[in-house]
């Protein structure tokens, strides 16, 4: 059962990424949840409890909704998952980043900052720094749009972390975006 769910997760991600067929990927992720949770329905997903693999499948359904243009459903699903996942779970920072980014894109900048801070706290507590640069960067973007001077500090932390963690490509990309979109220049 679990094996089949992972196969459907991988197939769904492949269809999502390589085929850009978001409807088909949603069907594959849904099929994966239905294997162990026959009461699942996207219209009533909040009424049942989920295993970790089912939450990962649901998370990917959220990504598909985002690509299909339903930002509201994407935020709703990720908000639900954030409430279901323990804040010491390895996917917590990924959920926080994606939910924070969804809020940012919806111009709900204060909500984005709050969620990004939760992700940052998780990364610091768990010593898992992989998402820390993008969380600080996303927080900086939201701070910028709210006219908070703290955006500069968030950008500096994001850039320092990408350097420390050997993420040169991400560092270059962030620097370029800081210059072009936020008139913030960080010297090398």
Protein backbone atom coordinates (compact mmCIF):
# COMPACT_ATOMS: atom_id res chain seq x y z
CA UNK A 1 0.00 0.00 0.00
CA UNK A 2 2.67 2.54 1.05
CA UNK A 3 4.86 1.46 -1.86
CA UNK A 4 2.03 2.13 -4.32
CA UNK A 5 1.42 5.57 -2.78
CA UNK A 6 5.07 6.51 -3.27
CA UNK A 7 4.89 5.29 -6.89
CA UNK A 8 1.83 7.49 -7.49
CA UNK A 9 3.55 10.42 -5.78
CA UNK A 10 6.57 10.06 -8.07
CA UNK A 11 4.40 9.57 -11.17
CA UNK A 12 2.33 12.61 -10.25
CA UNK A 13 5.42 14.77 -9.72
CA UNK A 14 6.84 13.60 -13.05
CA UNK A 15 3.61 14.44 -14.91
CA UNK A 16 3.48 17.78 -13.07
CA UNK A 17 7.07 18.78 -13.84
CA UNK A 18 7.76 17.24 -17.22
CA UNK A 19 4.34 17.13 -18.79
CA UNK A 20 2.80 20.25 -17.28
CA UNK A 21 -0.40 18.23 -17.02
CA UNK A 22 -1.67 19.52 -13.71
CA UNK A 23 -5.09 17.91 -13.97
CA UNK A 24 -3.55 14.47 -14.56
CA UNK A 25 -1.07 14.97 -11.71
CA UNK A 26 -3.99 15.87 -9.41
CA UNK A 27 -5.71 12.62 -10.40
CA UNK A 28 -2.56 10.61 -9.59
CA UNK A 29 -2.10 12.30 -6.20
CA UNK A 30 -5.79 11.75 -5.41
CA UNK A 31 -5.51 8.08 -6.39
CA UNK A 32 -2.58 7.79 -3.97
CA UNK A 33 -4.62 9.15 -1.07
CA UNK A 34 -7.61 6.94 -1.95
CA UNK A 35 -5.48 3.80 -1.53
CA UNK A 36 -5.43 4.21 2.24
CA UNK A 37 -8.17 6.74 2.77
CA UNK A 38 -11.22 5.77 0.74
CA UNK A 39 -13.27 8.64 2.20
CA UNK A 40 -10.99 11.27 0.64
CA UNK A 41 -12.58 13.95 -1.50
CA UNK A 42 -11.02 17.29 -2.38
CA UNK A 43 -14.33 18.89 -1.41
CA UNK A 44 -14.23 17.35 2.08
CA UNK A 45 -10.51 16.90 2.70
CA UNK A 46 -10.59 18.71 6.07
CA UNK A 47 -12.89 16.09 7.59
CA UNK A 48 -10.37 13.24 7.73
CA UNK A 49 -6.95 12.62 9.24
CA UNK A 50 -3.85 11.87 7.19
CA UNK A 51 -0.65 9.91 7.34
CA UNK A 52 2.60 11.65 6.35
CA UNK A 53 2.53 10.22 2.81
CA UNK A 54 -1.08 11.31 2.41
CA UNK A 55 -0.13 14.83 3.52
CA UNK A 56 2.64 14.87 0.92
CA UNK A 57 0.14 13.80 -1.73
CA UNK A 58 -2.29 16.49 -0.56
CA UNK A 59 0.52 19.05 -0.64
CA UNK A 60 1.14 18.19 -4.28
CA UNK A 61 -2.58 18.51 -5.03
CA UNK A 62 -2.21 22.04 -3.65
CA UNK A 63 0.69 22.71 -6.03
CA UNK A 64 -1.47 21.49 -8.92
CA UNK A 65 -4.32 23.81 -7.92
CA UNK A 66 -1.85 26.68 -7.91
CA UNK A 67 -0.75 25.84 -11.47
CA UNK A 68 -4.37 25.48 -12.53
CA UNK A 69 -4.91 29.07 -11.36
CA UNK A 70 -6.79 28.41 -8.14
CA UNK A 71 -4.59 30.36 -5.70
CA UNK A 72 -7.33 30.40 -3.07
CA UNK A 73 -7.58 26.59 -2.96
CA UNK A 74 -3.78 26.36 -2.90
CA UNK A 75 -3.62 28.62 0.17
CA UNK A 76 -6.52 26.77 1.80
CA UNK A 77 -4.85 23.36 1.35
CA UNK A 78 -1.44 24.55 2.55
CA UNK A 79 -2.99 26.31 5.56
CA UNK A 80 -4.73 23.06 6.45
CA UNK A 81 -1.52 21.04 6.06
CA UNK A 82 0.44 23.55 8.15
CA UNK A 83 -2.04 22.93 10.94
CA UNK A 84 -1.81 19.16 10.57
CA UNK A 85 1.97 18.76 10.41
CA UNK A 86 3.95 18.78 13.61
CA UNK A 87 6.32 21.75 13.73
CA UNK A 88 9.29 19.39 14.05
CA UNK A 89 8.44 17.44 10.88
CA UNK A 90 11.04 17.64 8.09
CA UNK A 91 8.49 19.02 5.59
CA UNK A 92 7.44 21.85 7.93
CA UNK A 93 9.87 24.40 6.43
CA UNK A 94 8.80 23.45 2.89
CA UNK A 95 5.15 23.96 3.78
CA UNK A 96 5.97 27.27 5.50
CA UNK A 97 7.92 28.50 2.47
CA UNK A 98 5.18 27.59 0.01
CA UNK A 99 2.35 28.97 2.13
CA UNK A 100 4.32 32.15 2.83
CA UNK A 101 5.03 32.55 -0.88
CA UNK A 102 1.35 32.03 -1.70
CA UNK A 103 0.42 34.77 0.79
CA UNK A 104 3.10 37.02 -0.69
CA UNK A 105 1.76 36.51 -4.22
CA UNK A 106 -1.72 37.33 -2.91
CA UNK A 107 -0.30 40.53 -1.41
CA UNK A 108 -1.04 39.34 2.13
CA UNK A 109 2.41 40.39 3.22
CA UNK A 110 1.87 40.37 7.00
CA UNK A 111 0.56 36.79 6.78
CA UNK A 112 3.54 35.87 4.61
CA UNK A 113 5.98 37.25 7.18
CA UNK A 114 4.30 35.35 10.01
CA UNK A 115 4.48 32.05 8.15
CA UNK A 116 8.06 32.64 6.97
CA UNK A 117 9.09 33.31 10.59
CA UNK A 118 7.61 29.96 11.61
CA UNK A 119 9.67 28.27 8.90
CA UNK A 120 12.80 30.13 10.00
CA UNK A 121 12.22 29.10 13.61
CA UNK A 122 11.87 25.48 12.50
CA UNK A 123 15.13 25.63 10.53
CA UNK A 124 17.03 27.12 13.47
CA UNK A 125 15.58 24.64 15.96
CA UNK A 126 16.11 21.56 13.81
CA UNK A 127 19.51 22.66 12.44
CA UNK A 128 18.12 22.04 8.94
CA UNK A 129 19.33 25.05 6.99
CA UNK A 130 18.34 24.01 3.47
CA UNK A 131 15.24 26.25 3.32
CA UNK A 132 16.60 29.07 5.48
CA UNK A 133 17.91 31.30 2.64
CA UNK A 134 14.65 31.26 0.68
CA UNK A 135 12.61 31.81 3.84
CA UNK A 136 14.66 34.90 4.71
CA UNK A 137 14.46 36.12 1.13
CA UNK A 138 10.68 35.64 1.00
CA UNK A 139 10.32 37.43 4.32
CA UNK A 140 12.48 40.27 2.98
CA UNK A 141 10.27 40.66 -0.09
CA UNK A 142 7.15 40.92 2.07
CA UNK A 143 8.87 43.35 4.43
CA UNK A 144 9.87 45.47 1.44
CA UNK A 145 6.26 45.75 0.25
CA UNK A 146 5.15 46.70 3.76
CA UNK A 147 7.87 49.40 3.84
CA UNK A 148 9.66 47.75 6.77
CA UNK A 149 13.34 48.67 6.89
CA UNK A 150 14.03 45.17 8.19
CA UNK A 151 13.87 43.90 4.59
CA UNK A 152 17.52 44.85 4.14
CA UNK A 153 18.56 42.66 7.06
CA UNK A 154 16.46 39.75 5.75
CA UNK A 155 18.04 40.05 2.30
CA UNK A 156 21.53 40.21 3.82
CA UNK A 157 20.85 37.07 5.88
CA UNK A 158 19.51 35.24 2.81
CA UNK A 159 22.57 36.17 0.77
CA UNK A 160 25.01 35.32 3.55
CA UNK A 161 23.38 31.93 4.03
CA UNK A 162 23.53 31.10 0.32
CA UNK A 163 27.26 31.88 0.40
CA UNK A 164 27.87 29.86 3.55
CA UNK A 165 25.88 26.90 2.26
CA UNK A 166 27.59 26.89 -1.15
CA UNK A 167 24.44 27.86 -3.06
CA UNK A 168 26.23 30.05 -5.60
CA UNK A 169 23.52 29.91 -8.28
CA UNK A 170 20.82 30.87 -5.78
CA UNK A 171 23.06 33.62 -4.40
CA UNK A 172 23.56 35.11 -7.87
CA UNK A 173 19.84 34.91 -8.61
CA UNK A 174 18.91 36.58 -5.32
CA UNK A 175 21.47 39.35 -5.84
CA UNK A 176 20.09 40.05 -9.30
CA UNK A 177 16.50 40.18 -8.02
CA UNK A 178 17.52 42.42 -5.11
CA UNK A 179 19.10 44.88 -7.55
CA UNK A 180 16.43 44.78 -10.25
CA UNK A 181 13.21 44.60 -8.22
CA UNK A 182 14.08 46.11 -4.86
CA UNK A 183 16.87 48.61 -5.66
CA UNK A 184 18.96 46.88 -3.03
CA UNK A 185 22.60 46.39 -3.95
CA UNK A 186 24.73 43.97 -2.02
CA UNK A 187 28.43 44.18 -2.68
CA UNK A 188 30.35 40.95 -3.12
